[in-house]
């Protein structure tokens, strides 16, 4: 049963990645473990698109932190939101291997508008965060999550 669920999630990742490639990738840069996807869409459009795509592609938004709203209390005006995204089935598989994965799971995805108003989606590659566990099952899931986040971020930014 667990293999069937994992296979379903894995096939959804492949479909998402194939779709993202077929519609053309947004500008994506890698700074070590951090991935940045630039968008010509508004901040609000990207946040809405990302939430919708996460829900449609086998994951869920488990929490949303509106950093811009919180920081407005200090007089700082910015548009920034962090979404905690994950899949309970994949999370279960990771936690069964090592409960310390809770430091990194669910995954954090940041959407923000820079000082020029340009919108960006950023996240740390799951494989870079989870690779430290030196566990084959965790590494396999992390690589799948790399692909998943790459597809979702690029589709949301497009």
Protein backbone atom coordinates (compact mmCIF):
# COMPACT_ATOMS: atom_id res chain seq x y z
CA UNK A 1 0.00 0.00 0.00
CA UNK A 2 2.78 2.47 0.87
CA UNK A 3 4.55 1.78 -2.41
CA UNK A 4 1.34 2.48 -4.32
CA UNK A 5 0.94 5.85 -2.56
CA UNK A 6 4.58 6.73 -3.16
CA UNK A 7 4.28 5.74 -6.84
CA UNK A 8 1.20 7.95 -7.21
CA UNK A 9 3.01 10.94 -5.73
CA UNK A 10 6.09 10.23 -7.86
CA UNK A 11 4.00 10.08 -11.05
CA UNK A 12 2.36 13.39 -10.12
CA UNK A 13 5.83 14.91 -9.77
CA UNK A 14 6.83 13.66 -13.20
CA UNK A 15 3.65 15.05 -14.74
CA UNK A 16 4.17 18.42 -13.03
CA UNK A 17 7.78 18.59 -14.19
CA UNK A 18 6.88 17.62 -17.75
CA UNK A 19 4.16 20.27 -17.84
CA UNK A 20 6.51 22.95 -16.52
CA UNK A 21 9.06 22.07 -19.19
CA UNK A 22 6.43 22.14 -21.93
CA UNK A 23 5.18 25.65 -21.08
CA UNK A 24 8.71 27.04 -20.79
CA UNK A 25 10.69 27.70 -17.66
CA UNK A 26 10.82 31.03 -15.85
CA UNK A 27 14.21 32.47 -15.08
CA UNK A 28 15.61 30.20 -12.39
CA UNK A 29 18.88 30.73 -10.54
CA UNK A 30 20.66 28.55 -8.03
CA UNK A 31 22.71 30.09 -5.21
CA UNK A 32 24.18 27.06 -3.49
CA UNK A 33 21.19 25.29 -2.05
CA UNK A 34 18.74 28.15 -2.61
CA UNK A 35 16.63 28.31 -5.77
CA UNK A 36 15.17 31.60 -7.02
CA UNK A 37 12.48 31.75 -9.70
CA UNK A 38 11.74 35.22 -11.07
CA UNK A 39 8.28 36.18 -12.26
CA UNK A 40 6.78 38.99 -14.30
CA UNK A 41 3.47 38.41 -12.50
CA UNK A 42 2.37 40.38 -9.46
CA UNK A 43 3.13 39.19 -5.96
CA UNK A 44 -0.56 38.44 -5.32
CA UNK A 45 -0.88 36.47 -8.58
CA UNK A 46 2.14 34.32 -7.75
CA UNK A 47 0.99 33.61 -4.18
CA UNK A 48 -2.49 32.64 -5.43
CA UNK A 49 -1.08 30.52 -8.27
CA UNK A 50 1.34 28.72 -5.95
CA UNK A 51 -1.39 27.90 -3.42
CA UNK A 52 -3.64 26.57 -6.17
CA UNK A 53 -0.89 24.52 -7.82
CA UNK A 54 0.23 23.02 -4.52
CA UNK A 55 -3.33 21.84 -3.85
CA UNK A 56 -3.75 20.44 -7.38
CA UNK A 57 -0.45 18.54 -7.36
CA UNK A 58 -0.59 16.23 -4.37
CA UNK A 59 0.61 18.63 -1.70
CA UNK A 60 -1.02 21.00 0.76
CA UNK A 61 -0.31 24.38 2.30
CA UNK A 62 0.06 23.55 5.98
CA UNK A 63 0.70 27.12 7.13
CA UNK A 64 1.04 30.59 5.71
CA UNK A 65 3.15 33.29 7.33
CA UNK A 66 2.50 36.79 5.98
CA UNK A 67 5.86 38.33 6.83
CA UNK A 68 4.96 41.64 5.21
CA UNK A 69 1.94 42.02 7.46
CA UNK A 70 3.95 41.16 10.57
CA UNK A 71 6.77 43.53 9.70
CA UNK A 72 4.35 46.36 8.94
CA UNK A 73 4.02 46.67 12.73
CA UNK A 74 7.62 47.93 12.73
CA UNK A 75 6.98 50.43 9.94
CA UNK A 76 8.56 48.28 7.21
CA UNK A 77 6.43 48.01 4.09
CA UNK A 78 7.01 44.92 1.97
CA UNK A 79 5.22 42.05 0.31
CA UNK A 80 6.50 38.70 1.58
CA UNK A 81 4.84 35.41 2.43
CA UNK A 82 6.25 32.04 3.46
CA UNK A 83 4.19 28.95 2.72
CA UNK A 84 4.86 25.69 4.55
CA UNK A 85 4.03 22.98 2.03
CA UNK A 86 4.08 19.22 2.21
CA UNK A 87 2.39 15.92 1.69
CA UNK A 88 1.49 13.91 4.82
CA UNK A 89 2.19 10.58 3.09
CA UNK A 90 5.69 11.67 2.06
CA UNK A 91 6.18 13.28 5.47
CA UNK A 92 5.28 10.00 7.16
CA UNK A 93 7.89 8.16 5.09
CA UNK A 94 10.53 10.73 6.03
CA UNK A 95 9.65 10.78 9.75
CA UNK A 96 9.73 6.98 9.87
CA UNK A 97 13.38 7.18 8.84
CA UNK A 98 14.49 9.99 11.18
CA UNK A 99 12.30 12.31 13.23
CA UNK A 100 14.89 15.08 12.99
CA UNK A 101 13.60 15.74 9.45
CA UNK A 102 11.03 17.87 11.27
CA UNK A 103 13.60 20.66 11.18
CA UNK A 104 13.03 20.86 7.40
CA UNK A 105 9.64 19.29 6.76
CA UNK A 106 7.17 20.73 5.81
CA UNK A 107 9.12 22.66 3.20
CA UNK A 108 9.35 26.46 3.24
CA UNK A 109 8.60 28.41 0.05
CA UNK A 110 9.00 32.19 0.09
CA UNK A 111 7.22 34.56 -2.29
CA UNK A 112 8.23 38.21 -2.16
CA UNK A 113 8.36 41.41 -4.18
CA UNK A 114 11.76 43.10 -4.20
CA UNK A 115 12.39 46.87 -3.91
CA UNK A 116 11.71 47.23 -7.65
CA UNK A 117 8.39 45.40 -7.39
CA UNK A 118 9.64 42.25 -9.17
CA UNK A 119 8.21 39.02 -7.72
CA UNK A 120 10.38 36.05 -6.78
CA UNK A 121 9.74 32.53 -5.50
CA UNK A 122 12.55 31.08 -3.37
CA UNK A 123 13.17 27.84 -1.55
CA UNK A 124 16.02 25.64 -0.40
CA UNK A 125 16.40 22.44 -2.38
CA UNK A 126 15.01 19.63 -0.20
CA UNK A 127 17.91 17.38 -1.24
CA UNK A 128 20.41 19.91 0.15
CA UNK A 129 18.58 20.09 3.48
CA UNK A 130 17.77 16.39 3.83
CA UNK A 131 20.99 15.04 2.31
CA UNK A 132 22.74 15.46 5.64
CA UNK A 133 20.80 12.48 7.00
CA UNK A 134 22.78 10.08 4.77
CA UNK A 135 19.73 7.85 4.40
CA UNK A 136 18.87 6.37 1.00
CA UNK A 137 15.09 6.56 1.51
CA UNK A 138 15.25 10.16 2.69
CA UNK A 139 17.53 11.09 -0.21
CA UNK A 140 15.19 9.49 -2.75
CA UNK A 141 12.18 11.38 -1.37
CA UNK A 142 14.20 14.62 -1.21
CA UNK A 143 15.17 14.36 -4.88
CA UNK A 144 11.52 13.79 -5.77
CA UNK A 145 10.64 16.91 -3.75
CA UNK A 146 13.34 18.90 -5.60
CA UNK A 147 11.57 18.10 -8.86
CA UNK A 148 8.17 18.82 -7.38
CA UNK A 149 9.11 22.26 -6.02
CA UNK A 150 10.93 23.18 -9.21
CA UNK A 151 7.83 22.41 -11.29
CA UNK A 152 5.45 24.18 -8.92
CA UNK A 153 7.61 27.31 -8.55
CA UNK A 154 8.10 27.62 -12.31
CA UNK A 155 4.41 27.09 -13.08
CA UNK A 156 3.36 29.63 -10.43
CA UNK A 157 5.83 32.21 -11.76
CA UNK A 158 4.85 31.69 -15.42
